[in-house]
Amino acid sequence: QQDRARCLDFTADDIELFRVSMTDGMADYLGVEEVAASMANAFLGLRHPHVAAQDLVQKAASMWNRDHHNSYRDDIAIAACKFTEVEADSRNDNENNDNNDNNVGNDNDGSDDASKDEL
């Protein structure tokens, strides 16, 4: 029997993006792949993200306590967020705004052009 490479067809709509940051106290005991898989499953609706994060913190803390006999514990924390899709109209609006001067607080209506020349 011959092994075949399996190609998957997917589109941009099939891609889910999220970001996870963890402290070194967690990274010392849990691998990046384990943390990413747990949070990805949560963000895909298999668990609540808060429950997944809490379970990861508890697992790392338990391992720390085992190794350090319940003495001082390193910081063990995780932060995660899922990126949501931006509507096409919003992207177009942002692209149009990017063509302006990009000055915060400046409405770019041209009404203060004369005063700029005097400065």
N, C-alpha and C. Protein backbone atom coordinates (compact mmCIF):
# COMPACT_ATOMS: atom_id res chain seq x y z
N GLN A 1 0.84 -1.19 0.00
CA GLN A 1 0.00 0.00 0.00
C GLN A 1 0.88 1.25 0.00
N GLN A 2 0.58 2.13 -0.89
CA GLN A 2 1.38 3.33 -1.04
C GLN A 2 0.82 4.47 -0.18
N ASP A 3 1.72 5.16 0.51
CA ASP A 3 1.30 6.34 1.26
C ASP A 3 1.07 7.48 0.29
N ARG A 4 0.01 8.18 0.50
CA ARG A 4 -0.30 9.32 -0.36
C ARG A 4 -0.28 10.60 0.45
N ALA A 5 0.27 11.60 -0.15
CA ALA A 5 0.19 12.92 0.47
C ALA A 5 -1.25 13.38 0.38
N ARG A 6 -1.70 13.99 1.41
CA ARG A 6 -3.08 14.46 1.45
C ARG A 6 -3.09 15.98 1.39
N CYS A 7 -3.70 16.50 0.38
CA CYS A 7 -3.80 17.95 0.21
C CYS A 7 -5.18 18.40 0.67
N LEU A 8 -5.19 19.44 1.43
CA LEU A 8 -6.45 20.00 1.91
C LEU A 8 -6.72 21.31 1.19
N ASP A 9 -7.95 21.46 0.76
CA ASP A 9 -8.35 22.73 0.17
C ASP A 9 -8.93 23.60 1.27
N PHE A 10 -8.46 24.82 1.36
CA PHE A 10 -9.03 25.75 2.32
C PHE A 10 -8.96 27.15 1.75
N THR A 11 -9.77 28.00 2.34
CA THR A 11 -9.81 29.40 1.94
C THR A 11 -9.45 30.26 3.14
N ALA A 12 -9.36 31.54 2.93
CA ALA A 12 -9.06 32.46 4.02
C ALA A 12 -10.12 32.38 5.11
N ASP A 13 -11.36 32.03 4.74
CA ASP A 13 -12.43 31.92 5.73
C ASP A 13 -12.22 30.75 6.68
N ASP A 14 -11.37 29.81 6.31
CA ASP A 14 -11.11 28.64 7.14
C ASP A 14 -10.03 28.89 8.19
N ILE A 15 -9.39 30.03 8.13
CA ILE A 15 -8.27 30.33 9.03
C ILE A 15 -8.77 31.10 10.24
N GLU A 16 -8.40 30.63 11.42
CA GLU A 16 -8.73 31.30 12.68
C GLU A 16 -7.41 31.77 13.30
N LEU A 17 -7.34 33.03 13.67
CA LEU A 17 -6.13 33.58 14.27
C LEU A 17 -6.36 33.90 15.73
N PHE A 18 -5.39 33.56 16.56
CA PHE A 18 -5.42 33.93 17.96
C PHE A 18 -4.00 34.13 18.44
N ARG A 19 -3.86 34.84 19.54
CA ARG A 19 -2.55 35.11 20.12
C ARG A 19 -2.57 34.67 21.58
N VAL A 20 -1.50 34.01 21.98
CA VAL A 20 -1.37 33.55 23.35
C VAL A 20 -0.02 34.01 23.88
N SER A 21 -0.03 34.54 25.08
CA SER A 21 1.20 34.92 25.77
C SER A 21 1.19 34.25 27.13
N MET A 22 2.30 33.64 27.50
CA MET A 22 2.37 32.99 28.81
C MET A 22 3.67 33.38 29.49
N THR A 23 3.64 33.35 30.81
CA THR A 23 4.83 33.67 31.58
C THR A 23 5.81 32.51 31.55
N ASP A 24 7.04 32.79 31.95
CA ASP A 24 8.04 31.73 31.98
C ASP A 24 7.69 30.65 32.98
N GLY A 25 6.95 31.00 34.03
CA GLY A 25 6.53 29.99 35.01
C GLY A 25 5.65 28.93 34.37
N MET A 26 4.83 29.31 33.42
CA MET A 26 4.02 28.34 32.70
C MET A 26 4.86 27.63 31.64
N ALA A 27 5.68 28.38 30.93
CA ALA A 27 6.49 27.81 29.85
C ALA A 27 7.50 26.79 30.37
N ASP A 28 7.90 26.90 31.64
CA ASP A 28 8.83 25.93 32.22
C ASP A 28 8.21 24.54 32.32
N TYR A 29 6.89 24.47 32.35
CA TYR A 29 6.22 23.18 32.58
C TYR A 29 5.31 22.73 31.44
N LEU A 30 4.85 23.65 30.64
CA LEU A 30 3.94 23.29 29.55
C LEU A 30 4.56 23.72 28.22
N GLY A 31 4.47 22.87 27.24
CA GLY A 31 5.02 23.18 25.93
C GLY A 31 4.13 24.14 25.16
N VAL A 32 4.74 24.84 24.25
CA VAL A 32 4.02 25.79 23.41
C VAL A 32 2.90 25.09 22.65
N GLU A 33 3.19 23.89 22.14
CA GLU A 33 2.18 23.15 21.37
C GLU A 33 0.97 22.80 22.24
N GLU A 34 1.21 22.37 23.47
CA GLU A 34 0.11 22.01 24.37
C GLU A 34 -0.76 23.22 24.68
N VAL A 35 -0.12 24.33 24.99
CA VAL A 35 -0.86 25.55 25.32
C VAL A 35 -1.63 26.05 24.10
N ALA A 36 -0.98 26.06 22.95
CA ALA A 36 -1.65 26.53 21.73
C ALA A 36 -2.83 25.63 21.38
N ALA A 37 -2.66 24.32 21.49
CA ALA A 37 -3.74 23.39 21.16
C ALA A 37 -4.92 23.57 22.11
N SER A 38 -4.63 23.73 23.39
CA SER A 38 -5.71 23.90 24.37
C SER A 38 -6.50 25.18 24.11
N MET A 39 -5.79 26.28 23.85
CA MET A 39 -6.48 27.55 23.62
C MET A 39 -7.17 27.55 22.26
N ALA A 40 -6.58 26.91 21.25
CA ALA A 40 -7.23 26.83 19.94
C ALA A 40 -8.54 26.07 20.05
N ASN A 41 -8.54 24.95 20.77
CA ASN A 41 -9.78 24.20 20.98
C ASN A 41 -10.82 25.05 21.68
N ALA A 42 -10.37 25.85 22.64
CA ALA A 42 -11.31 26.72 23.36
C ALA A 42 -11.89 27.77 22.42
N PHE A 43 -11.04 28.41 21.64
CA PHE A 43 -11.53 29.45 20.74
C PHE A 43 -12.38 28.90 19.61
N LEU A 44 -12.24 27.62 19.32
CA LEU A 44 -13.08 26.99 18.30
C LEU A 44 -14.38 26.47 18.88
N GLY A 45 -14.61 26.72 20.17
CA GLY A 45 -15.89 26.41 20.78
C GLY A 45 -15.97 25.08 21.50
N LEU A 46 -14.85 24.37 21.64
CA LEU A 46 -14.89 23.09 22.33
C LEU A 46 -14.90 23.24 23.85
N ARG A 47 -14.41 24.36 24.33
CA ARG A 47 -14.42 24.70 25.76
C ARG A 47 -14.50 26.22 25.86
N HIS A 48 -14.80 26.68 27.05
CA HIS A 48 -14.77 28.13 27.27
C HIS A 48 -13.30 28.54 27.45
N PRO A 49 -12.86 29.61 26.80
CA PRO A 49 -11.45 30.02 26.92
C PRO A 49 -10.99 30.26 28.36
N HIS A 50 -11.87 30.80 29.21
CA HIS A 50 -11.47 31.02 30.61
C HIS A 50 -11.20 29.70 31.31
N VAL A 51 -12.01 28.69 31.03
CA VAL A 51 -11.82 27.37 31.64
C VAL A 51 -10.51 26.76 31.14
N ALA A 52 -10.25 26.86 29.86
CA ALA A 52 -9.02 26.32 29.29
C ALA A 52 -7.80 27.00 29.92
N ALA A 53 -7.83 28.32 30.02
CA ALA A 53 -6.72 29.06 30.61
C ALA A 53 -6.53 28.68 32.08
N GLN A 54 -7.63 28.58 32.82
CA GLN A 54 -7.55 28.21 34.23
C GLN A 54 -6.96 26.81 34.39
N ASP A 55 -7.36 25.88 33.55
CA ASP A 55 -6.82 24.52 33.61
C ASP A 55 -5.32 24.51 33.33
N LEU A 56 -4.88 25.31 32.38
CA LEU A 56 -3.44 25.38 32.08
C LEU A 56 -2.66 25.96 33.25
N VAL A 57 -3.19 27.01 33.87
CA VAL A 57 -2.53 27.61 35.04
C VAL A 57 -2.46 26.60 36.17
N GLN A 58 -3.56 25.91 36.43
CA GLN A 58 -3.58 24.92 37.51
C GLN A 58 -2.61 23.77 37.24
N LYS A 59 -2.53 23.33 36.00
CA LYS A 59 -1.62 22.23 35.66
C LYS A 59 -0.17 22.65 35.89
N ALA A 60 0.20 23.83 35.40
CA ALA A 60 1.57 24.32 35.58
C ALA A 60 1.88 24.54 37.06
N ALA A 61 0.92 25.09 37.81
CA ALA A 61 1.12 25.33 39.24
C ALA A 61 1.30 24.02 39.99
N SER A 62 0.53 23.02 39.63
CA SER A 62 0.65 21.71 40.27
C SER A 62 2.04 21.11 40.02
N MET A 63 2.52 21.25 38.81
CA MET A 63 3.85 20.73 38.49
C MET A 63 4.94 21.52 39.23
N TRP A 64 4.76 22.83 39.35
CA TRP A 64 5.71 23.66 40.09
C TRP A 64 5.73 23.23 41.55
N ASN A 65 4.56 23.08 42.15
CA ASN A 65 4.49 22.68 43.56
C ASN A 65 5.12 21.32 43.79
N ARG A 66 4.94 20.41 42.85
CA ARG A 66 5.55 19.08 42.97
C ARG A 66 7.07 19.19 42.99
N ASP A 67 7.63 20.01 42.11
CA ASP A 67 9.08 20.14 42.01
C ASP A 67 9.69 21.00 43.11
N HIS A 68 8.91 21.92 43.67
CA HIS A 68 9.46 22.86 44.65
C HIS A 68 8.84 22.69 46.03
N HIS A 69 8.19 21.60 46.23
CA HIS A 69 7.64 21.23 47.54
C HIS A 69 6.82 22.34 48.19
N ASN A 70 5.92 22.92 47.40
CA ASN A 70 4.98 23.93 47.87
C ASN A 70 5.65 25.17 48.46
N SER A 71 6.90 25.42 48.10
CA SER A 71 7.54 26.65 48.55
C SER A 71 7.18 27.76 47.57
N TYR A 72 7.96 28.80 47.53
CA TYR A 72 7.74 29.93 46.62
C TYR A 72 7.31 29.42 45.24
N ARG A 73 6.37 30.12 44.62
CA ARG A 73 5.92 29.74 43.28
C ARG A 73 6.17 30.89 42.31
N ASP A 74 6.75 30.56 41.19
CA ASP A 74 6.99 31.53 40.12
C ASP A 74 5.64 32.01 39.58
N ASP A 75 5.66 33.16 38.93
CA ASP A 75 4.42 33.65 38.32
C ASP A 75 4.01 32.70 37.20
N ILE A 76 2.75 32.34 37.22
CA ILE A 76 2.19 31.44 36.21
C ILE A 76 0.92 32.10 35.71
N ALA A 77 0.98 32.60 34.50
CA ALA A 77 -0.17 33.32 33.95
C ALA A 77 -0.22 33.14 32.44
N ILE A 78 -1.40 33.38 31.90
CA ILE A 78 -1.61 33.28 30.46
C ILE A 78 -2.58 34.37 30.03
N ALA A 79 -2.35 34.91 28.85
CA ALA A 79 -3.28 35.88 28.25
C ALA A 79 -3.51 35.41 26.81
N ALA A 80 -4.75 35.45 26.38
CA ALA A 80 -5.07 34.98 25.04
C ALA A 80 -6.21 35.80 24.45
N CYS A 81 -6.18 35.96 23.15
CA CYS A 81 -7.28 36.64 22.47
C CYS A 81 -7.44 36.05 21.07
N LYS A 82 -8.66 36.08 20.61
CA LYS A 82 -8.97 35.62 19.26
C LYS A 82 -9.18 36.85 18.39
N PHE A 83 -8.59 36.83 17.21
CA PHE A 83 -8.79 37.92 16.27
C PHE A 83 -10.07 37.65 15.51
N THR A 84 -10.91 38.66 15.44
CA THR A 84 -12.17 38.50 14.72
C THR A 84 -12.05 39.12 13.35
N GLU A 85 -12.88 38.67 12.46
CA GLU A 85 -12.86 39.16 11.09
C GLU A 85 -13.33 40.61 11.04
N VAL A 86 -12.66 41.38 10.25
CA VAL A 86 -13.06 42.77 10.04
C VAL A 86 -13.94 42.80 8.81
N GLU A 87 -15.06 43.46 8.92
CA GLU A 87 -15.97 43.57 7.78
C GLU A 87 -15.28 44.28 6.62
N ALA A 88 -15.61 43.90 5.41
CA ALA A 88 -15.00 44.49 4.21
C ALA A 88 -15.21 46.00 4.18
N ASP A 89 -16.40 46.48 4.56
CA ASP A 89 -16.65 47.92 4.55
C ASP A 89 -15.72 48.63 5.53
N SER A 90 -15.47 48.03 6.69
CA SER A 90 -14.59 48.64 7.67
C SER A 90 -13.17 48.70 7.14
N ARG A 91 -12.74 47.65 6.46
CA ARG A 91 -11.39 47.65 5.88
C ARG A 91 -11.26 48.77 4.86
N ASN A 92 -12.27 48.94 4.03
CA ASN A 92 -12.23 50.01 3.02
C ASN A 92 -12.19 51.37 3.68
N ASP A 93 -12.97 51.56 4.75
CA ASP A 93 -12.95 52.82 5.47
C ASP A 93 -11.56 53.09 6.04
N ASN A 94 -10.95 52.06 6.62
CA ASN A 94 -9.62 52.22 7.19
C ASN A 94 -8.59 52.53 6.11
N GLU A 95 -8.70 51.89 4.96
CA GLU A 95 -7.77 52.17 3.87
C GLU A 95 -7.91 53.61 3.42
N ASN A 96 -9.15 54.12 3.34
CA ASN A 96 -9.36 55.52 2.96
C ASN A 96 -8.77 56.45 4.00
N ASN A 97 -8.92 56.12 5.27
CA ASN A 97 -8.37 56.96 6.33
C ASN A 97 -6.85 56.94 6.31
N ASP A 98 -6.25 55.81 5.92
CA ASP A 98 -4.80 55.72 5.86
C ASP A 98 -4.22 56.64 4.80
N ASN A 99 -5.02 57.03 3.83
CA ASN A 99 -4.53 57.93 2.79
C ASN A 99 -4.50 59.38 3.27
N ASN A 100 -5.06 59.67 4.43
CA ASN A 100 -5.04 61.02 4.99
C ASN A 100 -3.70 61.26 5.67
N ASP A 101 -3.59 62.35 6.39
CA ASP A 101 -2.34 62.71 7.04
C ASP A 101 -1.98 61.80 8.20
N ASN A 102 -2.90 60.97 8.67
CA ASN A 102 -2.67 60.06 9.80
C ASN A 102 -2.34 60.78 11.09
N ASN A 103 -2.80 62.01 11.24
CA ASN A 103 -2.59 62.74 12.49
C ASN A 103 -3.73 62.44 13.43
N VAL A 104 -3.40 62.01 14.61
CA VAL A 104 -4.43 61.72 15.60
C VAL A 104 -5.10 63.02 15.99
N GLY A 105 -6.42 63.01 16.01
CA GLY A 105 -7.17 64.18 16.41
C GLY A 105 -7.36 65.20 15.29
N ASN A 106 -6.82 64.94 14.12
CA ASN A 106 -6.97 65.86 13.01
C ASN A 106 -8.03 65.30 12.07
N ASP A 107 -9.09 66.08 11.84
CA ASP A 107 -10.17 65.58 10.98
C ASP A 107 -9.88 65.79 9.50
N ASN A 108 -8.76 66.41 9.17
CA ASN A 108 -8.31 66.58 7.79
C ASN A 108 -9.37 67.18 6.88
N ASP A 109 -10.14 68.13 7.38
CA ASP A 109 -11.16 68.75 6.53
C ASP A 109 -10.61 69.94 5.75
N GLY A 110 -9.34 70.25 5.97
CA GLY A 110 -8.72 71.33 5.22
C GLY A 110 -9.00 72.71 5.78
N SER A 111 -9.82 72.84 6.80
CA SER A 111 -10.21 74.15 7.31
C SER A 111 -9.07 74.86 8.01
N ASP A 112 -8.06 74.13 8.44
CA ASP A 112 -6.99 74.79 9.17
C ASP A 112 -5.70 74.85 8.35
N ASP A 113 -5.80 74.70 7.04
CA ASP A 113 -4.61 74.73 6.20
C ASP A 113 -3.88 76.07 6.28
N ALA A 114 -4.60 77.17 6.34
CA ALA A 114 -3.97 78.49 6.40
C ALA A 114 -3.17 78.63 7.68
N SER A 115 -3.72 78.17 8.79
CA SER A 115 -3.00 78.30 10.05
C SER A 115 -1.75 77.44 10.06
N LYS A 116 -1.74 76.33 9.32
CA LYS A 116 -0.54 75.50 9.23
C LYS A 116 0.58 76.26 8.53
N ASP A 117 0.20 77.02 7.48
CA ASP A 117 1.20 77.77 6.74
C ASP A 117 1.84 78.85 7.60
N GLU A 118 1.10 79.39 8.56
CA GLU A 118 1.61 80.45 9.40
C GLU A 118 2.56 79.93 10.47
N LEU A 119 2.49 78.64 10.76
CA LEU A 119 3.34 78.09 11.81
C LEU A 119 4.72 78.00 11.32
